Amino acid sequence: AFLGVGDHFLIHYLNADMNSDAGKRAEEQRAMEGFEAFAARHAEAFAALHQRLGLDYFAIDAAETADGRILVFEADVAMIVHDLDPPDLYPYKKPQMRKGFDAFEALLRAKSAIR
């Protein structure tokens, strides 16, 4: 899961019906491929979240407002992060998700005795 695009406010990836809508998948692809720029724009906010939460790992449910600020709806350590979507419908996902999984593994290695 990454970006659920829906027609109403209460949206979850599983109820967004992404499989049947190529337009929604295209929007998700643009967001995933532009994530590094998004992260750079909001680096200060992410650093503040890290400091406030005191956690090395967490996920957020957020949006970027029209004026470019980040609006965080939820921060949690138990959000589902996976790459189980069918690659024929989501060919853009595996490379992007691999970046996140590799970063998570690097974090674990840095915080443990495993080298």
N, C-alpha and C. Protein backbone atom coordinates (compact mmCIF):
# COMPACT_ATOMS: atom_id res chain seq x y z
N ALA A 1 0.84 -1.18 0.00
CA ALA A 1 0.00 0.00 0.00
C ALA A 1 0.88 1.23 0.00
N PHE A 2 0.42 2.26 -0.63
CA PHE A 2 1.14 3.52 -0.64
C PHE A 2 0.14 4.66 -0.71
N LEU A 3 -0.54 4.79 -1.81
CA LEU A 3 -1.44 5.92 -2.01
C LEU A 3 -2.80 5.41 -2.44
N GLY A 4 -3.79 5.56 -1.59
CA GLY A 4 -5.16 5.21 -1.94
C GLY A 4 -5.85 6.46 -2.45
N VAL A 5 -6.43 6.39 -3.63
CA VAL A 5 -7.12 7.52 -4.24
C VAL A 5 -8.61 7.20 -4.21
N GLY A 6 -9.39 8.10 -3.61
CA GLY A 6 -10.81 7.80 -3.48
C GLY A 6 -11.68 9.01 -3.75
N ASP A 7 -12.98 8.75 -3.71
CA ASP A 7 -13.97 9.80 -3.99
C ASP A 7 -14.58 10.38 -2.73
N HIS A 8 -14.14 9.92 -1.56
CA HIS A 8 -14.68 10.42 -0.31
C HIS A 8 -13.54 10.56 0.70
N PHE A 9 -13.80 11.20 1.81
CA PHE A 9 -12.74 11.51 2.77
C PHE A 9 -12.18 10.27 3.46
N LEU A 10 -13.05 9.38 3.92
CA LEU A 10 -12.60 8.21 4.66
C LEU A 10 -12.11 7.16 3.67
N ILE A 11 -10.84 7.22 3.38
CA ILE A 11 -10.26 6.34 2.37
C ILE A 11 -9.21 5.45 3.01
N HIS A 12 -9.28 4.20 2.67
CA HIS A 12 -8.26 3.22 3.04
C HIS A 12 -7.84 2.55 1.74
N TYR A 13 -6.63 2.11 1.67
CA TYR A 13 -6.14 1.53 0.43
C TYR A 13 -7.03 0.38 -0.03
N LEU A 14 -7.50 -0.42 0.90
CA LEU A 14 -8.30 -1.58 0.52
C LEU A 14 -9.68 -1.22 -0.01
N ASN A 15 -10.22 -0.05 0.33
CA ASN A 15 -11.53 0.33 -0.19
C ASN A 15 -11.43 1.35 -1.32
N ALA A 16 -10.23 1.62 -1.79
CA ALA A 16 -10.04 2.62 -2.83
C ALA A 16 -10.30 2.07 -4.23
N ASP A 17 -10.43 0.76 -4.37
CA ASP A 17 -10.70 0.12 -5.66
C ASP A 17 -9.63 0.48 -6.70
N MET A 18 -8.38 0.43 -6.27
CA MET A 18 -7.26 0.78 -7.13
C MET A 18 -7.11 -0.19 -8.30
N ASN A 19 -7.44 -1.47 -8.09
CA ASN A 19 -7.26 -2.47 -9.14
C ASN A 19 -8.06 -2.16 -10.39
N SER A 20 -9.23 -1.58 -10.24
CA SER A 20 -10.10 -1.38 -11.40
C SER A 20 -9.98 0.01 -12.02
N ASP A 21 -9.07 0.85 -11.55
CA ASP A 21 -8.99 2.22 -12.05
C ASP A 21 -7.55 2.59 -12.42
N ALA A 22 -7.27 2.58 -13.71
CA ALA A 22 -5.92 2.90 -14.20
C ALA A 22 -5.52 4.33 -13.85
N GLY A 23 -6.48 5.24 -13.81
CA GLY A 23 -6.17 6.63 -13.44
C GLY A 23 -5.66 6.76 -12.02
N LYS A 24 -6.29 6.02 -11.10
CA LYS A 24 -5.84 6.03 -9.71
C LYS A 24 -4.44 5.44 -9.60
N ARG A 25 -4.19 4.36 -10.35
CA ARG A 25 -2.85 3.75 -10.31
C ARG A 25 -1.82 4.70 -10.90
N ALA A 26 -2.17 5.44 -11.93
CA ALA A 26 -1.24 6.42 -12.51
C ALA A 26 -0.90 7.51 -11.50
N GLU A 27 -1.91 7.94 -10.74
CA GLU A 27 -1.67 8.96 -9.71
C GLU A 27 -0.75 8.40 -8.61
N GLU A 28 -0.99 7.15 -8.23
CA GLU A 28 -0.12 6.52 -7.24
C GLU A 28 1.30 6.40 -7.77
N GLN A 29 1.44 6.01 -9.03
CA GLN A 29 2.77 5.89 -9.64
C GLN A 29 3.52 7.22 -9.60
N ARG A 30 2.84 8.31 -9.96
CA ARG A 30 3.49 9.63 -9.90
C ARG A 30 3.94 9.96 -8.48
N ALA A 31 3.09 9.65 -7.52
CA ALA A 31 3.44 9.93 -6.12
C ALA A 31 4.62 9.09 -5.66
N MET A 32 4.62 7.82 -6.03
CA MET A 32 5.72 6.94 -5.61
C MET A 32 7.03 7.37 -6.26
N GLU A 33 6.97 7.69 -7.54
CA GLU A 33 8.19 8.08 -8.25
C GLU A 33 8.68 9.46 -7.82
N GLY A 34 7.81 10.27 -7.24
CA GLY A 34 8.20 11.58 -6.75
C GLY A 34 8.40 11.63 -5.25
N PHE A 35 8.48 10.47 -4.62
CA PHE A 35 8.54 10.44 -3.16
C PHE A 35 9.78 11.11 -2.60
N GLU A 36 10.93 10.95 -3.27
CA GLU A 36 12.15 11.57 -2.75
C GLU A 36 11.99 13.08 -2.67
N ALA A 37 11.37 13.69 -3.67
CA ALA A 37 11.13 15.14 -3.64
C ALA A 37 10.15 15.51 -2.53
N PHE A 38 9.11 14.70 -2.37
CA PHE A 38 8.14 14.90 -1.29
C PHE A 38 8.85 14.85 0.06
N ALA A 39 9.69 13.82 0.25
CA ALA A 39 10.41 13.66 1.52
C ALA A 39 11.35 14.84 1.76
N ALA A 40 12.00 15.32 0.72
CA ALA A 40 12.91 16.46 0.87
C ALA A 40 12.13 17.72 1.26
N ARG A 41 10.96 17.93 0.64
CA ARG A 41 10.14 19.11 0.97
C ARG A 41 9.71 19.09 2.43
N HIS A 42 9.51 17.92 2.97
CA HIS A 42 8.96 17.80 4.32
C HIS A 42 9.97 17.25 5.33
N ALA A 43 11.25 17.32 5.00
CA ALA A 43 12.29 16.77 5.87
C ALA A 43 12.23 17.37 7.28
N GLU A 44 11.99 18.65 7.38
CA GLU A 44 11.93 19.29 8.69
C GLU A 44 10.76 18.75 9.52
N ALA A 45 9.62 18.57 8.88
CA ALA A 45 8.46 18.02 9.58
C ALA A 45 8.71 16.57 10.01
N PHE A 46 9.35 15.79 9.14
CA PHE A 46 9.66 14.41 9.49
C PHE A 46 10.64 14.34 10.66
N ALA A 47 11.62 15.24 10.65
CA ALA A 47 12.58 15.29 11.76
C ALA A 47 11.86 15.65 13.06
N ALA A 48 10.92 16.57 12.99
CA ALA A 48 10.15 16.96 14.18
C ALA A 48 9.30 15.80 14.68
N LEU A 49 8.69 15.04 13.76
CA LEU A 49 7.92 13.86 14.16
C LEU A 49 8.82 12.84 14.85
N HIS A 50 9.98 12.61 14.26
CA HIS A 50 10.94 11.66 14.85
C HIS A 50 11.30 12.10 16.26
N GLN A 51 11.58 13.36 16.45
CA GLN A 51 11.95 13.88 17.77
C GLN A 51 10.78 13.76 18.75
N ARG A 52 9.59 14.15 18.32
CA ARG A 52 8.42 14.13 19.20
C ARG A 52 8.02 12.72 19.60
N LEU A 53 8.03 11.82 18.60
CA LEU A 53 7.58 10.45 18.87
C LEU A 53 8.64 9.64 19.59
N GLY A 54 9.90 9.99 19.38
CA GLY A 54 10.98 9.25 20.01
C GLY A 54 11.15 7.85 19.47
N LEU A 55 10.73 7.63 18.25
CA LEU A 55 10.80 6.31 17.63
C LEU A 55 11.71 6.36 16.40
N ASP A 56 12.45 5.29 16.20
CA ASP A 56 13.30 5.21 15.01
C ASP A 56 12.51 4.77 13.79
N TYR A 57 11.38 4.10 14.00
CA TYR A 57 10.56 3.63 12.89
C TYR A 57 9.10 3.93 13.19
N PHE A 58 8.43 4.52 12.23
CA PHE A 58 6.99 4.73 12.29
C PHE A 58 6.51 5.04 10.87
N ALA A 59 5.24 4.86 10.66
CA ALA A 59 4.64 5.20 9.37
C ALA A 59 3.60 6.29 9.62
N ILE A 60 3.33 7.06 8.60
CA ILE A 60 2.31 8.10 8.74
C ILE A 60 1.28 7.98 7.64
N ASP A 61 0.10 8.43 7.95
CA ASP A 61 -0.98 8.63 6.99
C ASP A 61 -1.08 10.13 6.88
N ALA A 62 -0.79 10.67 5.71
CA ALA A 62 -0.68 12.12 5.59
C ALA A 62 -1.09 12.58 4.20
N ALA A 63 -1.24 13.87 4.05
CA ALA A 63 -1.52 14.49 2.76
C ALA A 63 -0.72 15.78 2.68
N GLU A 64 -0.53 16.23 1.48
CA GLU A 64 0.10 17.53 1.27
C GLU A 64 -1.01 18.52 0.96
N THR A 65 -1.08 19.59 1.73
CA THR A 65 -2.14 20.58 1.54
C THR A 65 -1.89 21.41 0.29
N ALA A 66 -2.90 22.15 -0.12
CA ALA A 66 -2.78 22.98 -1.33
C ALA A 66 -1.66 24.00 -1.21
N ASP A 67 -1.37 24.44 0.02
CA ASP A 67 -0.29 25.42 0.20
C ASP A 67 1.06 24.77 0.48
N GLY A 68 1.14 23.43 0.31
CA GLY A 68 2.43 22.75 0.38
C GLY A 68 2.84 22.24 1.75
N ARG A 69 1.98 22.37 2.73
CA ARG A 69 2.32 21.83 4.05
C ARG A 69 1.91 20.37 4.13
N ILE A 70 2.50 19.67 5.09
CA ILE A 70 2.10 18.28 5.30
C ILE A 70 1.06 18.24 6.40
N LEU A 71 0.02 17.47 6.19
CA LEU A 71 -1.06 17.29 7.15
C LEU A 71 -1.03 15.83 7.56
N VAL A 72 -0.68 15.56 8.80
CA VAL A 72 -0.56 14.19 9.30
C VAL A 72 -1.87 13.80 9.97
N PHE A 73 -2.44 12.70 9.50
CA PHE A 73 -3.67 12.17 10.08
C PHE A 73 -3.39 11.15 11.17
N GLU A 74 -2.32 10.37 10.97
CA GLU A 74 -2.02 9.28 11.89
C GLU A 74 -0.54 8.94 11.81
N ALA A 75 0.03 8.62 12.94
CA ALA A 75 1.39 8.08 13.01
C ALA A 75 1.29 6.79 13.81
N ASP A 76 1.92 5.74 13.29
CA ASP A 76 1.72 4.42 13.89
C ASP A 76 2.90 3.53 13.57
N VAL A 77 3.17 2.56 14.41
CA VAL A 77 4.23 1.57 14.14
C VAL A 77 3.65 0.29 13.56
N ALA A 78 2.34 0.20 13.43
CA ALA A 78 1.71 -1.04 13.00
C ALA A 78 0.99 -0.93 11.66
N MET A 79 1.33 0.03 10.85
CA MET A 79 0.71 0.14 9.53
C MET A 79 1.26 -0.95 8.62
N ILE A 80 0.45 -1.37 7.70
CA ILE A 80 0.85 -2.43 6.78
C ILE A 80 1.66 -1.83 5.64
N VAL A 81 2.87 -2.34 5.46
CA VAL A 81 3.74 -1.93 4.36
C VAL A 81 4.09 -3.21 3.62
N HIS A 82 3.65 -3.33 2.37
CA HIS A 82 3.85 -4.58 1.63
C HIS A 82 4.05 -4.29 0.14
N ASP A 83 4.46 -5.33 -0.56
CA ASP A 83 4.53 -5.25 -2.02
C ASP A 83 3.83 -6.46 -2.62
N LEU A 84 2.63 -6.73 -2.14
CA LEU A 84 1.87 -7.90 -2.57
C LEU A 84 0.91 -7.63 -3.73
N ASP A 85 0.82 -6.40 -4.18
CA ASP A 85 -0.08 -6.09 -5.29
C ASP A 85 0.41 -6.76 -6.57
N PRO A 86 -0.51 -7.14 -7.46
CA PRO A 86 -0.12 -7.84 -8.68
C PRO A 86 0.81 -6.98 -9.55
N PRO A 87 2.00 -7.50 -9.89
CA PRO A 87 2.96 -6.69 -10.65
C PRO A 87 2.48 -6.33 -12.06
N ASP A 88 1.54 -7.07 -12.61
CA ASP A 88 1.03 -6.70 -13.93
C ASP A 88 0.18 -5.44 -13.87
N LEU A 89 -0.50 -5.21 -12.75
CA LEU A 89 -1.29 -3.99 -12.56
C LEU A 89 -0.47 -2.85 -11.96
N TYR A 90 0.55 -3.20 -11.19
CA TYR A 90 1.35 -2.23 -10.45
C TYR A 90 2.84 -2.41 -10.75
N PRO A 91 3.27 -2.29 -11.99
CA PRO A 91 4.69 -2.55 -12.31
C PRO A 91 5.65 -1.55 -11.66
N TYR A 92 5.16 -0.42 -11.25
CA TYR A 92 5.98 0.64 -10.65
C TYR A 92 6.25 0.41 -9.16
N LYS A 93 5.53 -0.49 -8.53
CA LYS A 93 5.60 -0.61 -7.07
C LYS A 93 6.86 -1.31 -6.56
N LYS A 94 7.20 -2.45 -7.12
CA LYS A 94 8.31 -3.24 -6.55
C LYS A 94 9.59 -2.43 -6.41
N PRO A 95 10.04 -1.68 -7.43
CA PRO A 95 11.29 -0.91 -7.25
C PRO A 95 11.18 0.14 -6.14
N GLN A 96 10.04 0.78 -6.03
CA GLN A 96 9.87 1.81 -5.00
C GLN A 96 9.78 1.18 -3.61
N MET A 97 9.04 0.09 -3.49
CA MET A 97 8.92 -0.57 -2.20
C MET A 97 10.27 -1.14 -1.77
N ARG A 98 11.06 -1.62 -2.71
CA ARG A 98 12.39 -2.16 -2.40
C ARG A 98 13.24 -1.10 -1.71
N LYS A 99 13.12 0.16 -2.14
CA LYS A 99 13.86 1.25 -1.49
C LYS A 99 13.49 1.34 -0.01
N GLY A 100 12.21 1.27 0.28
CA GLY A 100 11.76 1.34 1.66
C GLY A 100 12.20 0.14 2.47
N PHE A 101 12.09 -1.03 1.90
CA PHE A 101 12.50 -2.24 2.61
C PHE A 101 14.00 -2.22 2.87
N ASP A 102 14.78 -1.78 1.88
CA ASP A 102 16.23 -1.70 2.07
C ASP A 102 16.59 -0.69 3.15
N ALA A 103 15.89 0.44 3.18
CA ALA A 103 16.15 1.45 4.21
C ALA A 103 15.80 0.91 5.60
N PHE A 104 14.71 0.16 5.69
CA PHE A 104 14.32 -0.43 6.97
C PHE A 104 15.37 -1.44 7.43
N GLU A 105 15.85 -2.26 6.52
CA GLU A 105 16.88 -3.23 6.87
C GLU A 105 18.17 -2.52 7.31
N ALA A 106 18.53 -1.45 6.62
CA ALA A 106 19.72 -0.68 7.01
C ALA A 106 19.54 -0.09 8.41
N LEU A 107 18.35 0.38 8.72
CA LEU A 107 18.06 0.90 10.07
C LEU A 107 18.25 -0.19 11.12
N LEU A 108 17.70 -1.37 10.85
CA LEU A 108 17.83 -2.48 11.79
C LEU A 108 19.30 -2.84 11.99
N ARG A 109 20.05 -2.90 10.92
CA ARG A 109 21.47 -3.24 11.03
C ARG A 109 22.23 -2.16 11.81
N ALA A 110 21.91 -0.90 11.56
CA ALA A 110 22.58 0.19 12.26
C ALA A 110 22.27 0.17 13.76
N LYS A 111 21.07 -0.26 14.11
CA LYS A 111 20.65 -0.24 15.52
C LYS A 111 20.99 -1.54 16.25
N SER A 112 21.52 -2.51 15.52
CA SER A 112 21.83 -3.80 16.16
C SER A 112 23.31 -4.11 16.02
N ALA A 113 23.69 -5.26 16.49
CA ALA A 113 25.09 -5.70 16.39
C ALA A 113 25.37 -6.36 15.04
N ILE A 114 24.36 -6.54 14.21
CA ILE A 114 24.53 -7.19 12.90
C ILE A 114 25.23 -6.22 11.96
N ARG A 115 26.29 -6.67 11.37
CA ARG A 115 27.03 -5.80 10.43
C ARG A 115 27.29 -6.52 9.16
